[in-house]
Amino acid sequence: MQNEKHVVYKRMKELEATLPEQFCRIHNSYIVNMNHIAKIEDKQVQIGIIELPVSEKYHPDFWEKVQARLFK
């Protein structure tokens, strides 16, 4: 299923509210599955070979989720 594109006709906020907790919004345009993050560096995440930016707006929530997963 990796590398598949999905077209969804919902606002990102609506979509985000329906997803399980392993998904996290990192940017106005990106929601990622935390289980597939290979690397986090310089406010970017790497999933496979794709690097995505983590915006200032979503960075605090994203980092909180990362830390919660690390220190379970």
C-alpha atoms as a PDB file:
ATOM      1  CA  MET A   1       0.000   0.000   0.000  1.00  0.00           C
ATOM      2  CA  GLN A   2       2.978   2.289   0.248  1.00  0.00           C
ATOM      3  CA  ASN A   3       3.341   4.851  -2.548  1.00  0.00           C
ATOM      4  CA  GLU A   4      -0.389   4.819  -3.191  1.00  0.00           C
ATOM      5  CA  LYS A   5      -2.205   8.103  -3.593  1.00  0.00           C
ATOM      6  CA  HIS A   6      -5.656   8.618  -2.192  1.00  0.00           C
ATOM      7  CA  VAL A   7      -8.012  11.400  -3.204  1.00  0.00           C
ATOM      8  CA  VAL A   8     -10.318  12.446  -0.386  1.00  0.00           C
ATOM      9  CA  TYR A   9     -12.931  15.149  -0.658  1.00  0.00           C
ATOM     10  CA  LYS A  10     -12.826  16.355   2.944  1.00  0.00           C
ATOM     11  CA  ARG A  11     -11.067  19.147   4.712  1.00  0.00           C
ATOM     12  CA  MET A  12      -7.850  18.068   6.361  1.00  0.00           C
ATOM     13  CA  LYS A  13      -9.263  18.926   9.794  1.00  0.00           C
ATOM     14  CA  GLU A  14     -12.270  16.641   9.184  1.00  0.00           C
ATOM     15  CA  LEU A  15     -10.039  13.829   7.937  1.00  0.00           C
ATOM     16  CA  GLU A  16      -7.640  14.245  10.854  1.00  0.00           C
ATOM     17  CA  ALA A  17     -10.532  13.860  13.327  1.00  0.00           C
ATOM     18  CA  THR A  18     -11.518  10.478  11.844  1.00  0.00           C
ATOM     19  CA  LEU A  19      -8.066   8.883  11.880  1.00  0.00           C
ATOM     20  CA  PRO A  20      -6.636   6.647  14.651  1.00  0.00           C
ATOM     21  CA  GLU A  21      -4.095   8.090  17.088  1.00  0.00           C
ATOM     22  CA  GLN A  22      -1.032   6.833  15.189  1.00  0.00           C
ATOM     23  CA  PHE A  23      -1.723   9.509  12.575  1.00  0.00           C
ATOM     24  CA  CYS A  24      -0.406  13.006  13.167  1.00  0.00           C
ATOM     25  CA  ARG A  25      -0.784  16.272  11.313  1.00  0.00           C
ATOM     26  CA  ILE A  26       2.636  17.765  10.595  1.00  0.00           C
ATOM     27  CA  HIS A  27       1.776  20.467   8.067  1.00  0.00           C
ATOM     28  CA  ASN A  28      -1.249  22.151   6.489  1.00  0.00           C
ATOM     29  CA  SER A  29      -0.901  19.642   3.648  1.00  0.00           C
ATOM     30  CA  TYR A  30       0.365  16.489   5.409  1.00  0.00           C
ATOM     31  CA  ILE A  31      -0.912  13.911   7.863  1.00  0.00           C
ATOM     32  CA  VAL A  32       1.506  11.043   8.490  1.00  0.00           C
ATOM     33  CA  ASN A  33       1.306   7.592  10.009  1.00  0.00           C
ATOM     34  CA  MET A  34       3.736   7.692  12.936  1.00  0.00           C
ATOM     35  CA  ASN A  35       4.409   3.958  12.475  1.00  0.00           C
ATOM     36  CA  HIS A  36       6.070   4.623   9.117  1.00  0.00           C
ATOM     37  CA  ILE A  37       8.435   7.440  10.058  1.00  0.00           C
ATOM     38  CA  ALA A  38      11.994   6.305   9.396  1.00  0.00           C
ATOM     39  CA  LYS A  39      13.800   9.473  10.452  1.00  0.00           C
ATOM     40  CA  ILE A  40      13.158  12.850  12.077  1.00  0.00           C
ATOM     41  CA  GLU A  41      15.704  15.565  11.402  1.00  0.00           C
ATOM     42  CA  ASP A  42      15.708  19.383  11.250  1.00  0.00           C
ATOM     43  CA  LYS A  43      11.913  19.693  11.349  1.00  0.00           C
ATOM     44  CA  GLN A  44      11.509  17.125   8.599  1.00  0.00           C
ATOM     45  CA  VAL A  45      10.290  13.558   8.683  1.00  0.00           C
ATOM     46  CA  GLN A  46      11.317  10.809   6.324  1.00  0.00           C
ATOM     47  CA  ILE A  47       8.859   8.131   5.260  1.00  0.00           C
ATOM     48  CA  GLY A  48      10.506   5.737   2.852  1.00  0.00           C
ATOM     49  CA  ILE A  49      12.469   7.958   0.495  1.00  0.00           C
ATOM     50  CA  ILE A  50      10.116  10.926   0.868  1.00  0.00           C
ATOM     51  CA  GLU A  51      11.012  13.826   3.152  1.00  0.00           C
ATOM     52  CA  LEU A  52       8.178  16.006   4.423  1.00  0.00           C
ATOM     53  CA  PRO A  53       8.395  19.281   6.347  1.00  0.00           C
ATOM     54  CA  VAL A  54       7.026  19.689   9.862  1.00  0.00           C
ATOM     55  CA  SER A  55       5.601  23.195  10.092  1.00  0.00           C
ATOM     56  CA  GLU A  56       6.050  25.491  13.094  1.00  0.00           C
ATOM     57  CA  LYS A  57       2.300  25.363  13.707  1.00  0.00           C
ATOM     58  CA  TYR A  58       2.171  21.574  14.090  1.00  0.00           C
ATOM     59  CA  HIS A  59       5.655  20.957  15.512  1.00  0.00           C
ATOM     60  CA  PRO A  60       4.704  21.118  19.247  1.00  0.00           C
ATOM     61  CA  ASP A  61       1.889  18.536  18.919  1.00  0.00           C
ATOM     62  CA  PHE A  62       4.005  16.335  16.676  1.00  0.00           C
ATOM     63  CA  TRP A  63       6.955  16.415  19.068  1.00  0.00           C
ATOM     64  CA  GLU A  64       4.679  15.609  22.004  1.00  0.00           C
ATOM     65  CA  LYS A  65       3.420  12.512  20.171  1.00  0.00           C
ATOM     66  CA  VAL A  66       6.976  11.472  19.298  1.00  0.00           C
ATOM     67  CA  GLN A  67       8.088  11.743  22.920  1.00  0.00           C
ATOM     68  CA  ALA A  68       5.010   9.874  24.168  1.00  0.00           C
ATOM     69  CA  ARG A  69       5.810   7.004  21.800  1.00  0.00           C
ATOM     70  CA  LEU A  70       9.471   6.922  22.843  1.00  0.00           C
ATOM     71  CA  PHE A  71       8.800   6.872  26.566  1.00  0.00           C
ATOM     72  CA  LYS A  72       5.874   4.405  26.726  1.00  0.00           C
END
